[in-house]
Protein backbone atom coordinates (compact mmCIF):
# COMPACT_ATOMS: atom_id res chain seq x y z
CA MET A 1 70.31 25.15 45.92
CA ASN A 2 71.71 23.54 49.15
CA SER A 3 75.18 21.87 49.18
CA PRO A 4 75.51 18.30 50.60
CA ARG A 5 76.31 19.60 53.81
CA ASP A 6 73.10 21.27 54.05
CA GLN A 7 71.36 17.78 52.88
CA TYR A 8 73.20 16.01 55.64
CA PRO A 9 73.22 18.02 58.52
CA ALA A 10 75.71 16.96 61.46
CA ASP A 11 73.29 15.75 63.97
CA SER A 12 71.29 13.44 61.32
CA ARG A 13 72.59 9.94 63.01
CA SER A 14 70.95 11.44 66.68
CA ALA A 15 67.75 11.99 65.02
CA GLY A 16 67.09 8.75 63.50
CA PHE A 17 68.61 9.50 59.55
CA GLN A 18 67.89 6.80 57.07
CA PRO A 19 69.86 7.44 53.78
CA ALA A 20 68.08 4.28 51.69
CA GLY A 21 65.18 4.52 50.23
CA SER A 22 61.92 7.29 49.77
CA GLY A 23 61.47 6.65 53.64
CA GLY A 24 64.33 8.32 54.59
CA ILE A 25 62.82 11.55 55.08
CA PRO A 26 59.78 10.92 56.76
CA ALA A 27 61.61 8.59 58.87
CA ALA A 28 63.56 11.64 59.92
CA ARG A 29 60.67 14.13 60.33
CA THR A 30 59.36 11.24 62.38
CA ASN A 31 61.96 11.54 64.89
CA CYS A 32 61.96 14.72 64.99
CA GLY A 33 57.99 14.76 65.71
CA GLN A 34 58.75 12.17 68.41
CA ALA A 35 61.60 13.98 69.86
CA ALA A 36 59.19 17.78 70.04
CA ARG A 37 56.95 15.38 71.66
CA LEU A 38 59.44 14.35 74.17
CA THR A 39 60.55 17.66 74.93
CA SER A 40 56.86 19.00 75.67
CA SER A 41 56.49 15.86 78.25
CA GLN A 42 59.71 16.05 79.80
CA ASP A 43 60.23 19.77 80.20
CA GLY A 44 62.34 20.59 77.63
CA SER A 45 65.25 17.71 78.92
CA ALA A 46 65.90 16.11 75.17
CA THR A 47 66.12 19.58 73.94
CA GLU A 48 69.18 20.43 76.01
CA SER A 49 70.75 17.50 75.22
CA GLY A 50 70.36 17.49 71.32
CA LEU A 51 72.12 20.85 71.71
CA SER A 52 75.05 19.79 73.95
CA ARG A 53 75.47 17.62 71.70
CA CYS A 54 75.50 19.65 68.89
CA ALA A 55 77.98 21.97 70.61
CA ARG A 56 80.16 19.31 71.19
CA LEU A 57 80.06 17.94 67.23
CA LEU A 58 80.76 21.40 66.46
CA LEU A 59 83.56 22.11 68.80
CA LEU A 60 85.42 18.64 67.78
CA THR A 61 84.98 19.98 63.65
CA GLY A 62 86.88 22.86 64.84
CA LEU A 63 89.57 21.30 66.76
CA LEU A 64 90.25 19.03 63.99
CA ALA A 65 90.38 21.75 61.33
CA LEU A 66 92.58 23.90 63.45
CA LEU A 67 95.06 21.36 63.95
CA SER A 68 95.05 19.68 60.56
CA GLY A 69 95.38 23.57 58.85
CA CYS A 70 93.37 21.99 55.63
CA GLN A 71 91.60 24.27 53.62
CA LYS A 72 89.05 23.03 51.88
CA GLN A 73 86.84 24.74 48.71
CA GLU A 74 83.20 24.51 48.05
CA SER A 75 81.42 25.53 44.95
CA ASP A 76 77.64 26.06 44.55
CA THR A 77 77.39 25.06 41.09
CA GLY A 78 75.68 22.00 40.53
CA GLY A 79 75.38 21.36 44.29
CA ALA A 80 78.79 19.07 44.15
CA GLN A 81 81.65 20.07 46.74
CA ALA A 82 85.47 20.61 44.63
CA GLU A 83 88.60 20.52 46.46
CA ALA A 84 91.67 22.05 44.98
CA LYS A 85 94.39 20.23 43.82
CA ALA A 86 96.77 19.00 46.96
CA HIS A 87 99.84 19.40 45.37
CA VAL A 88 101.84 21.21 42.51
CA ILE A 89 104.88 20.19 40.30
CA THR A 90 107.84 22.48 40.82
CA GLN A 91 110.01 23.01 37.65
CA ASP A 92 112.52 20.48 39.23
CA GLY A 93 109.62 18.39 38.77
CA VAL A 94 109.33 17.79 42.62
CA ALA A 95 105.65 17.28 43.60
CA MET A 96 105.01 20.18 46.67
CA CYS A 97 101.91 19.93 49.03
CA THR A 98 100.47 23.06 48.90
CA GLU A 99 98.36 22.63 51.74
CA HIS A 100 101.73 22.20 53.91
CA GLY A 101 104.26 24.07 51.79
CA VAL A 102 106.74 20.81 51.87
CA PRO A 103 107.72 18.10 48.97
CA GLU A 104 104.81 15.79 49.28
CA ALA A 105 106.76 12.55 49.67
CA GLU A 106 108.05 14.16 52.93
CA CYS A 107 104.63 15.23 54.23
CA ALA A 108 103.55 13.70 57.52
CA VAL A 109 100.66 15.18 57.62
CA CYS A 110 99.43 13.79 54.54
CA LYS A 111 100.93 10.56 54.17
CA PRO A 112 101.47 9.42 58.30
CA HIS A 113 101.86 5.68 56.75
CA LEU A 114 105.18 6.60 55.25
CA ALA A 115 106.99 6.82 59.13
CA ASP A 116 106.76 2.90 59.18
CA LYS A 117 109.36 2.60 56.22
CA LEU A 118 111.88 5.30 58.25
CA GLN A 119 115.33 4.42 59.61
CA PRO A 120 117.14 6.20 62.18
CA GLY A 121 118.14 9.81 60.80
CA GLU A 122 115.60 9.76 58.58
CA SER A 123 112.21 11.89 58.77
CA LEU A 124 109.39 13.58 57.61
CA LYS A 125 107.64 17.10 57.95
CA VAL A 126 104.92 18.62 59.91
CA ARG A 127 103.86 21.52 59.32
CA LEU A 128 101.52 23.78 61.29
CA PRO A 129 98.43 26.13 61.19
CA SER A 130 100.80 29.07 62.05
CA THR A 131 103.69 29.97 63.60
CA ASN A 132 102.48 30.57 66.54
CA SER A 133 100.67 26.99 66.81
CA THR A 134 103.49 26.08 69.09
CA SER A 135 103.44 28.96 71.84
CA ILE A 136 99.43 27.98 71.88
CA VAL A 137 99.85 24.31 72.82
CA GLY A 138 102.88 25.09 74.99
CA VAL A 139 105.17 23.14 72.98
CA GLU A 140 109.13 23.84 74.02
CA THR A 141 112.31 23.16 72.72
CA ALA A 142 115.85 22.46 73.86
CA THR A 143 118.89 20.49 72.68
CA PRO A 144 120.08 17.29 73.62
CA GLU A 145 122.40 17.20 76.85
CA MET A 146 125.64 15.78 76.67
CA GLY A 147 126.73 13.70 79.76
CA ALA A 148 127.38 10.11 81.17
CA MET A 149 125.21 7.39 81.12
CA ALA A 150 125.39 3.73 82.33
CA ASP A 151 122.99 1.08 81.14
CA GLY A 152 121.80 -1.50 83.68
CA ILE A 153 119.51 -4.10 85.24
CA GLY A 154 117.90 -3.21 88.14
CA CYS A 155 117.19 -5.39 90.99
CA VAL A 156 116.75 -6.21 94.49
CA ALA A 157 119.34 -7.16 97.01
CA GLU A 158 119.97 -7.89 100.81
CA VAL A 159 122.51 -6.45 102.74
CA SER A 160 124.64 -8.95 104.88
CA PHE A 161 127.85 -9.04 106.59
CA ASN A 162 130.92 -9.86 104.94
CA GLN A 163 131.24 -13.69 105.86
CA ASN A 164 135.79 -13.67 105.19
CA LYS A 165 135.48 -10.81 107.94
CA LEU A 166 132.68 -12.46 110.50
CA ALA A 167 134.08 -14.66 113.35
CA GLN A 168 132.30 -16.65 116.36
CA ILE A 169 134.59 -16.84 119.33
CA ALA A 170 134.14 -19.59 121.09
CA ALA A 171 135.66 -21.07 124.25
CA PRO A 172 138.57 -23.41 123.62
CA VAL A 173 138.27 -25.39 126.25
CA SER A 174 135.41 -26.42 128.71
CA GLY A 175 135.61 -24.51 131.87
CA ILE A 176 134.11 -21.72 133.77
CA VAL A 177 133.88 -18.00 132.49
CA GLN A 178 135.80 -16.07 135.21
CA THR A 179 135.59 -12.43 133.60
CA VAL A 180 133.90 -10.73 130.37
CA ASP A 181 136.03 -8.00 129.06
CA VAL A 182 133.34 -6.70 126.59
CA ASP A 183 130.04 -5.92 125.34
CA LEU A 184 127.87 -5.60 122.28
CA GLY A 185 129.28 -2.31 120.19
CA THR A 186 132.44 -2.95 121.58
CA LYS A 187 135.31 -2.05 119.17
CA VAL A 188 138.51 -4.37 119.60
CA GLU A 189 141.52 -4.92 118.24
CA GLU A 190 143.56 -8.02 117.04
CA LYS A 191 144.33 -10.38 119.90
CA GLN A 192 142.97 -8.33 122.51
CA THR A 193 141.65 -10.51 125.46
CA VAL A 194 137.50 -10.56 125.05
CA ALA A 195 137.42 -13.31 128.39
CA LYS A 196 139.16 -15.19 130.38
CA ILE A 197 138.10 -19.10 131.46
CA TRP A 198 139.40 -21.48 134.65
CA SER A 199 139.30 -24.69 133.30
CA ALA A 200 140.75 -28.27 135.61
CA SER A 201 142.37 -29.37 131.92
CA ILE A 202 144.31 -26.09 131.63
CA ALA A 203 145.53 -26.42 135.13
CA GLU A 204 146.30 -29.89 134.46
CA ALA A 205 148.15 -28.67 131.22
CA VAL A 206 150.24 -25.90 133.25
CA ALA A 207 151.30 -28.19 136.27
CA ARG A 208 152.77 -30.97 133.83
CA ALA A 209 154.54 -28.09 132.02
CA VAL A 210 155.89 -27.07 135.46
CA LEU A 211 157.01 -29.93 135.87
CA SER A 212 158.49 -31.33 133.05
CA HIS A 213 160.34 -27.60 132.78
CA GLN A 214 161.59 -28.82 136.54
CA THR A 215 162.42 -32.46 135.40
CA LEU A 216 164.76 -31.12 132.53
CA ASP A 217 166.34 -28.38 135.11
CA ARG A 218 167.30 -31.37 137.16
CA GLU A 219 168.82 -33.58 134.20
CA ARG A 220 170.68 -30.61 132.70
CA LYS A 221 172.65 -30.19 135.93
CA LEU A 222 172.98 -33.73 136.40
CA ARG A 223 174.26 -34.03 132.58
CA ALA A 224 176.63 -31.45 133.09
CA ASP A 225 177.96 -33.46 136.30
CA ARG A 226 178.20 -36.51 134.17
CA VAL A 227 175.75 -38.25 136.61
CA THR A 228 172.93 -39.24 134.41
CA SER A 229 172.91 -40.60 130.92
CA GLU A 230 172.25 -38.85 127.39
CA LYS A 231 169.08 -40.67 126.84
CA ASP A 232 167.60 -39.36 129.94
CA PHE A 233 168.21 -36.15 129.30
CA GLN A 234 166.62 -35.98 125.93
CA GLU A 235 163.98 -37.75 127.01
CA ALA A 236 163.27 -35.15 129.90
CA GLU A 237 164.07 -32.48 126.70
CA ALA A 238 161.19 -34.03 124.64
CA ALA A 239 158.43 -33.96 127.27
CA HIS A 240 158.75 -30.28 128.51
CA ARG A 241 158.62 -29.75 124.62
CA SER A 242 155.39 -31.77 124.36
CA ALA A 243 153.87 -29.94 127.42
CA CYS A 244 154.99 -26.39 126.29
CA GLN A 245 153.38 -27.01 123.00
CA GLN A 246 150.00 -28.26 124.17
CA LEU A 247 150.01 -24.73 126.25
CA ARG A 248 150.39 -23.27 123.19
CA THR A 249 147.98 -24.85 121.32
CA LEU A 250 145.95 -23.16 123.88
CA GLY A 251 147.35 -19.66 123.74
CA PHE A 252 149.42 -18.97 125.67
CA THR A 253 152.89 -17.67 124.60
CA GLU A 254 156.21 -18.51 125.93
CA ALA A 255 156.64 -15.88 128.23
CA GLN A 256 153.41 -16.97 129.93
CA VAL A 257 155.15 -20.44 130.12
CA GLU A 258 158.10 -19.37 131.83
CA GLU A 259 156.11 -17.14 134.13
CA LEU A 260 154.31 -19.99 135.01
CA SER A 261 157.08 -22.33 135.83
CA VAL A 262 158.35 -19.57 138.22
CA ARG A 263 154.94 -19.44 140.30
CA PRO A 264 153.40 -22.58 140.03
CA GLN A 265 150.65 -22.13 142.40
CA GLU A 266 148.88 -19.19 140.88
CA GLN A 267 145.58 -19.58 139.36
CA VAL A 268 145.63 -20.22 135.99
CA LEU A 269 143.33 -18.53 133.56
CA MET A 270 142.70 -19.18 129.70
CA GLU A 271 142.63 -15.76 127.65
CA VAL A 272 140.20 -15.68 124.89
CA ARG A 273 141.31 -13.48 122.32
CA ALA A 274 139.55 -11.76 119.02
CA PRO A 275 141.40 -13.00 115.90
CA PHE A 276 140.97 -9.69 114.03
CA ALA A 277 139.85 -5.74 114.55
CA GLY A 278 136.08 -5.62 114.46
CA GLU A 279 133.26 -5.05 116.55
CA ILE A 280 131.13 -7.34 119.06
CA VAL A 281 127.85 -7.61 117.75
CA GLU A 282 126.44 -10.54 119.52
CA ARG A 283 127.18 -12.19 123.23
CA MET A 284 126.32 -15.28 124.78
CA ALA A 285 129.13 -15.39 127.70
CA VAL A 286 128.23 -14.91 131.03
CA ARG A 287 130.19 -14.65 133.82
CA GLY A 288 130.17 -17.53 136.17
CA ALA A 289 128.70 -19.83 133.02
CA LEU A 290 129.93 -23.65 132.61
CA VAL A 291 130.78 -23.59 129.27
CA GLU A 292 131.88 -26.74 127.07
CA ALA A 293 134.82 -26.31 124.40
CA GLY A 294 133.50 -25.17 121.32
CA LYS A 295 130.91 -23.44 122.65
CA PRO A 296 130.39 -19.54 120.74
CA LEU A 297 131.14 -16.40 123.02
CA PHE A 298 130.65 -13.91 121.13
CA THR A 299 130.33 -12.56 117.67
CA LEU A 300 132.55 -10.19 115.90
CA VAL A 301 132.64 -8.72 112.66
CA ASP A 302 134.80 -6.35 110.50
CA HIS A 303 131.80 -4.17 108.89
CA SER A 304 133.76 -2.00 106.99
CA THR A 305 132.93 -4.17 104.16
CA VAL A 306 129.83 -5.32 103.30
CA TRP A 307 127.78 -7.79 100.89
CA ALA A 308 124.67 -7.11 99.25
CA MET A 309 123.10 -10.72 97.56
CA LEU A 310 121.16 -9.66 94.51
CA GLN A 311 118.50 -11.18 92.47
CA VAL A 312 118.62 -11.62 88.88
CA PRO A 313 116.23 -12.48 86.43
CA GLU A 314 117.07 -15.40 84.52
CA ALA A 315 116.17 -13.66 81.39
CA ARG A 316 119.14 -11.19 81.79
CA LEU A 317 121.85 -13.17 83.25
CA ALA A 318 123.88 -13.17 80.05
CA ARG A 319 124.50 -9.21 80.11
CA VAL A 320 125.89 -9.70 83.86
CA LYS A 321 129.54 -10.62 84.42
CA SER A 322 131.71 -10.94 87.54
CA GLY A 323 133.77 -7.52 88.27
CA GLN A 324 130.99 -5.48 86.82
CA ALA A 325 130.50 -2.12 89.10
CA VAL A 326 127.04 -2.03 91.10
CA GLU A 327 125.01 0.53 92.33
CA LEU A 328 122.98 0.19 95.80
CA ARG A 329 120.11 2.17 96.97
CA LEU A 330 118.25 2.15 100.06
CA ASP A 331 115.06 3.83 101.02
CA SER A 332 116.05 4.50 104.28
CA LEU A 333 119.47 6.64 103.14
CA PRO A 334 117.59 8.60 100.45
CA GLY A 335 119.79 10.36 98.06
CA GLN A 336 122.67 8.05 98.63
CA VAL A 337 124.35 6.01 95.92
CA PHE A 338 126.85 3.20 97.05
CA ILE A 339 129.21 1.59 94.64
CA GLY A 340 130.47 -1.77 94.97
CA LYS A 341 131.88 -4.71 92.73
CA LEU A 342 130.14 -7.65 91.42
CA THR A 343 132.41 -10.34 92.88
CA TRP A 344 130.08 -13.81 92.70
CA ILE A 345 127.48 -15.30 90.42
CA SER A 346 125.59 -18.21 91.38
CA PRO A 347 126.07 -21.54 88.95
CA ALA A 348 122.15 -22.19 90.18
CA VAL A 349 118.78 -20.85 89.02
CA ASP A 350 116.15 -20.84 91.40
CA GLU A 351 113.66 -23.11 90.01
CA ARG A 352 110.72 -21.41 91.92
CA THR A 353 111.10 -17.77 91.27
CA ARG A 354 113.98 -18.23 88.22
CA MET A 355 116.29 -15.63 89.57
CA VAL A 356 119.92 -16.32 90.05
CA ARG A 357 121.80 -15.27 93.30
CA VAL A 358 124.63 -12.58 92.83
CA ARG A 359 127.09 -11.25 95.51
CA ALA A 360 128.28 -7.38 95.28
CA GLU A 361 130.77 -6.00 97.57
CA PHE A 362 130.54 -2.38 98.91
CA ALA A 363 133.03 -0.22 100.87
CA ASN A 364 131.09 0.31 103.99
CA PRO A 365 133.53 3.17 106.37
CA ASP A 366 130.77 4.93 107.89
CA GLY A 367 128.79 1.61 108.96
CA LEU A 368 125.39 3.18 107.22
CA LEU A 369 124.88 -0.33 105.56
CA LYS A 370 123.69 -2.36 107.84
CA ASP A 371 123.16 -6.33 107.92
CA LYS A 372 119.39 -7.49 106.89
CA MET A 373 118.60 -4.22 104.82
CA PHE A 374 116.76 -4.55 102.46
CA ALA A 375 117.62 -2.31 98.89
CA THR A 376 117.55 -1.72 95.28
CA ALA A 377 120.68 -2.43 93.20
CA ARG A 378 121.54 -1.85 89.55
CA ILE A 379 124.24 -3.96 87.79
CA LEU A 380 126.21 -1.44 85.37
CA THR A 381 126.29 -3.47 81.94
CA ARG A 382 127.27 -0.65 79.87
CA GLN A 383 128.96 2.87 80.55
CA ALA A 384 128.98 5.74 78.13
CA GLU A 385 130.73 9.11 78.21
CA GLY A 386 129.03 11.76 76.09
CA ALA A 387 126.07 10.37 75.68
CA MET A 388 123.24 11.99 73.73
CA LEU A 389 120.49 12.45 76.44
CA VAL A 390 116.94 13.63 76.22
CA PRO A 391 113.93 13.95 78.38
CA PRO A 392 111.56 10.79 77.99
CA SER A 393 108.79 13.45 77.36
CA ALA A 394 110.79 14.03 74.07
CA ILE A 395 110.11 10.69 72.57
CA GLN A 396 106.88 10.04 70.69
CA HIS A 397 105.94 6.41 69.82
CA ILE A 398 104.20 5.70 66.64
CA GLU A 399 103.52 2.31 65.83
CA GLY A 400 105.45 1.39 68.28
CA ARG A 401 108.59 3.12 66.86
CA PRO A 402 110.32 5.62 68.36
CA PHE A 403 110.29 9.22 67.19
CA VAL A 404 111.34 12.92 67.84
CA PHE A 405 110.24 16.30 66.92
CA VAL A 406 113.19 18.66 65.68
CA LYS A 407 112.58 22.01 64.88
CA GLN A 408 113.49 23.43 61.62
CA GLY A 409 111.09 26.74 61.74
CA ALA A 410 108.45 28.49 63.28
CA ASP A 411 106.08 26.21 61.76
CA LEU A 412 108.07 23.18 60.76
CA PHE A 413 109.32 20.32 62.44
CA ASP A 414 110.93 17.10 61.28
CA VAL A 415 109.09 13.63 62.58
CA ARG A 416 113.02 12.20 63.23
CA ALA A 417 113.02 8.31 63.51
CA VAL A 418 115.72 7.43 66.20
CA ARG A 419 117.42 4.75 67.98
CA LEU A 420 117.26 4.58 71.61
CA GLY A 421 119.88 3.23 74.42
CA ALA A 422 119.76 3.68 78.01
CA ARG A 423 116.88 4.84 80.20
CA PHE A 424 118.12 5.62 84.01
CA ASP A 425 117.45 9.11 86.26
CA GLY A 426 115.10 10.93 84.45
CA ARG A 427 117.07 10.63 81.21
CA GLN A 428 116.74 8.90 77.64
CA GLU A 429 119.63 8.19 75.62
CA VAL A 430 119.48 8.50 72.03
CA LEU A 431 122.22 6.28 70.42
CA ALA A 432 121.46 7.42 66.70
CA GLY A 433 119.55 9.73 64.36
CA LEU A 434 119.82 13.19 66.60
CA LYS A 435 122.61 15.52 66.54
CA PRO A 436 123.84 17.66 69.32
CA GLN A 437 122.86 21.07 68.02
CA GLU A 438 119.51 20.20 66.81
CA GLN A 439 116.31 21.56 68.61
CA VAL A 440 114.04 18.52 69.80
CA ALA A 441 110.41 18.93 71.13
CA VAL A 442 110.86 18.39 74.70
CA SER A 443 107.44 19.66 76.04
CA HIS A 444 104.22 18.82 74.68
CA ALA A 445 105.77 16.66 71.98
CA PHE A 446 102.07 14.88 71.84
CA ALA A 447 100.64 17.65 70.14
CA LEU A 448 102.79 17.67 67.59
CA LYS A 449 102.45 14.14 67.35
CA SER A 450 98.38 14.33 67.21
CA ALA A 451 98.78 17.40 64.31
CA MET A 452 100.72 14.72 62.47
CA LEU A 453 98.12 11.68 62.60
CA MET A 454 95.46 13.74 62.24
CA SER A 455 94.76 12.68 58.13
CA SER A 456 94.13 9.28 59.54
CA LEU A 457 91.07 10.58 61.40
CA GLY A 458 90.17 11.79 58.41
CA ALA A 459 91.43 15.36 58.13
CA GLY A 460 94.04 14.94 55.65
CA CYS A 461 94.46 17.14 52.22
CA ALA A 462 96.45 14.89 49.79
CA ASP A 463 95.22 13.22 46.99
CA ASP A 464 95.95 9.38 47.48
């Protein structure tokens, strides 16, 4: 007597088999006859297609049986299939899965749905068909790595000059540029002369200061001889102080004022000086040009520190605080990471992009960071030393929850629920559910997940 598998061949669906009613078998025969005629008319192409389908079905069936490891028993008596019991009760009252040799309540192959109820640190067990199954599919294990991990928020950034160390050197008075002493890229020191300007107003101020100086000397001598009054002497002294103060406002020192008083006929040039040490990055001054007071002549910057303007999504703003460390990376400088500090968070959100501008400051001693450079930044919101780290390939998600496969034997693995932390630089932090000394599947862990979920495809062996 034929078994049920003999009565329902694997290719019955492709042959048009009709299970209901007495017309099922004739229909199958009719389709087979049609297939034969089709084979004759199309030079055997349909036969080859049918054989290909049969080969694929047989191969799939063999793979499912190999991964599940289930051993089904069939009986020839009465034409019915009899299955052995999938579990036995031990002396301790524990139901054991006979197919996989683990407690039935922990058998992940027979009951994969139990994984939904696992908390971090809890696990089920997966028994593989043989002790060399892992080597066949290429599963590799390793212990977690212990190291530093920093959780952060990634965002785009643009480098800019430090506005607190940026200055425009402007003409203090109207006049004609007589000399230009610096050029683009020139490194200057604080108070260094960068240009000289001749101005009629300066010449007038110098003449007034020289005249007041001479008047004061004359009044001082007359007062010593008691020829003039104390009032005239005080008026001359006040006029001289006023004239000298005007020159000091224009940048002349006391020594220069005294020198001009001695040589009143010498041409007076206004020296334009750098307010601090830095580099000339922009030049507008041209020799012989007529300039107005306040017109920019140079742009000076100290780029030993720079700013980076970051764009942070509104949804992540609650994790951002002033003073946090920031990592900066640029495509033009591969492999280099610049560490800075968050110094300002904008009080407004861009209504179009829903982004918030924040500012970070970075040391730039070598001048590698340039104005207007584009970069990617990462604001470090949490840093941990001694974090447990695994490769991302070790994490397998089942129904949206993270799991790892912990090796317990040559053919036995724990399906362990875990709680994840930050993921960065090719490493995933595990916060809970795993111990440092445990062996975790880090390569081809998906094969273990497939073996676990095989019963959901109809290859399970537990009595439900």
